[in-house]
Amino acid sequence: MITAHAHDPDTGIAVEVGPGGGLRDLVLDSRSLRLGQSQLAKAILDLVDTATARANARVQRALGDVSALGLAVETRMEESVEDTTPETWRV
């Protein structure tokens, strides 16, 4: 199963998603609970976006163009995806 993670060590929030952004796991610690409702929601959604881009990129590498399935990597997220790709995998 293809999944991807994203975490923020400053807020103590970690997420795991599948391709397309289906949330599989969410971890919060005491730091994240002090953020307040709006900040917590935004921080979670930002991490879900990052992890989704990573998962979608993994599917794309495995299967080729999957944009017709709605699994394309948004341009604004490409840098985050590249950060997770080991040098040995790059062409």
Protein backbone atom coordinates (compact mmCIF):
# COMPACT_ATOMS: atom_id res chain seq x y z
CA MET A 1 0.00 0.00 0.00
CA ILE A 2 1.32 3.43 -0.91
CA THR A 3 1.17 5.98 1.89
CA ALA A 4 3.10 9.07 2.89
CA HIS A 5 3.84 10.88 6.12
CA ALA A 6 4.33 14.49 7.11
CA HIS A 7 5.12 15.89 10.52
CA ASP A 8 5.88 19.19 12.16
CA PRO A 9 8.28 18.83 15.07
CA ASP A 10 7.39 22.32 16.30
CA THR A 11 3.69 21.54 16.74
CA GLY A 12 3.92 17.81 17.49
CA ILE A 13 1.49 16.93 14.70
CA ALA A 14 2.05 13.96 12.38
CA VAL A 15 -0.18 12.57 9.63
CA GLU A 16 -0.21 9.59 7.32
CA VAL A 17 -2.32 9.62 4.16
CA GLY A 18 -2.94 7.46 1.13
CA PRO A 19 -2.98 8.67 -2.47
CA GLY A 20 -5.62 11.34 -2.92
CA GLY A 21 -5.34 12.40 0.72
CA GLY A 22 -7.32 9.78 2.62
CA LEU A 23 -6.23 10.22 6.23
CA ARG A 24 -4.90 6.97 7.70
CA ASP A 25 -3.35 8.25 10.92
CA LEU A 26 -3.20 11.45 12.93
CA VAL A 27 -0.94 11.99 15.93
CA LEU A 28 -1.24 15.00 18.23
CA ASP A 29 0.79 15.73 21.33
CA SER A 30 0.42 18.28 24.10
CA ARG A 31 2.05 21.04 22.01
CA SER A 32 -0.51 20.64 19.24
CA LEU A 33 -3.40 20.82 21.68
CA ARG A 34 -2.25 24.27 22.81
CA LEU A 35 -2.56 25.75 19.32
CA GLY A 36 -6.24 26.60 19.51
CA GLN A 37 -8.94 25.32 17.19
CA SER A 38 -8.21 27.40 14.09
CA GLN A 39 -4.43 27.00 14.19
CA LEU A 40 -4.71 23.28 14.90
CA ALA A 41 -7.07 22.76 11.97
CA LYS A 42 -4.83 24.75 9.62
CA ALA A 43 -1.69 22.92 10.76
CA ILE A 44 -3.34 19.52 10.22
CA LEU A 45 -4.64 20.46 6.77
CA ASP A 46 -1.23 21.84 5.73
CA LEU A 47 0.42 18.56 6.73
CA VAL A 48 -2.27 16.54 4.94
CA ASP A 49 -1.57 18.59 1.79
CA THR A 50 2.16 17.87 2.05
CA ALA A 51 1.69 14.15 2.70
CA THR A 52 -0.89 13.90 -0.10
CA ALA A 53 1.54 15.41 -2.58
CA ARG A 54 4.15 12.88 -1.50
CA ALA A 55 1.75 9.93 -1.79
CA ASN A 56 0.52 11.09 -5.19
CA ALA A 57 4.11 11.46 -6.40
CA ARG A 58 4.85 7.90 -5.29
CA VAL A 59 1.87 6.63 -7.28
CA GLN A 60 2.99 8.67 -10.27
CA ARG A 61 6.50 7.18 -10.09
CA ALA A 62 5.04 3.67 -9.87
CA LEU A 63 2.33 3.96 -12.53
CA GLY A 64 3.16 6.93 -14.73
CA ASP A 65 0.71 9.73 -15.47
CA VAL A 66 -2.20 9.45 -13.07
CA SER A 67 -3.52 12.99 -13.42
CA ALA A 68 -6.76 11.67 -14.95
CA LEU A 69 -7.39 10.00 -11.59
CA GLY A 70 -7.02 13.30 -9.76
CA LEU A 71 -3.67 12.27 -8.30
CA ALA A 72 -1.44 14.89 -9.91
CA VAL A 73 1.07 16.73 -7.74
CA GLU A 74 0.24 20.41 -7.50
CA THR A 75 3.02 22.73 -8.66
CA ARG A 76 3.15 24.46 -5.28
CA MET A 77 3.88 21.09 -3.62
CA GLU A 78 6.61 19.87 -5.99
CA GLU A 79 9.44 21.10 -3.77
CA SER A 80 8.07 19.21 -0.78
CA VAL A 81 7.84 16.03 -2.84
CA GLU A 82 11.37 16.40 -4.16
CA ASP A 83 12.68 16.77 -0.61
CA THR A 84 11.53 13.22 0.16
CA THR A 85 12.97 11.55 -2.93
CA PRO A 86 16.32 9.87 -2.26
CA GLU A 87 19.08 10.95 -4.65
CA THR A 88 19.55 7.34 -5.78
CA TRP A 89 15.97 7.29 -7.15
CA ARG A 90 16.32 10.44 -9.23
CA VAL A 91 16.84 10.13 -12.96
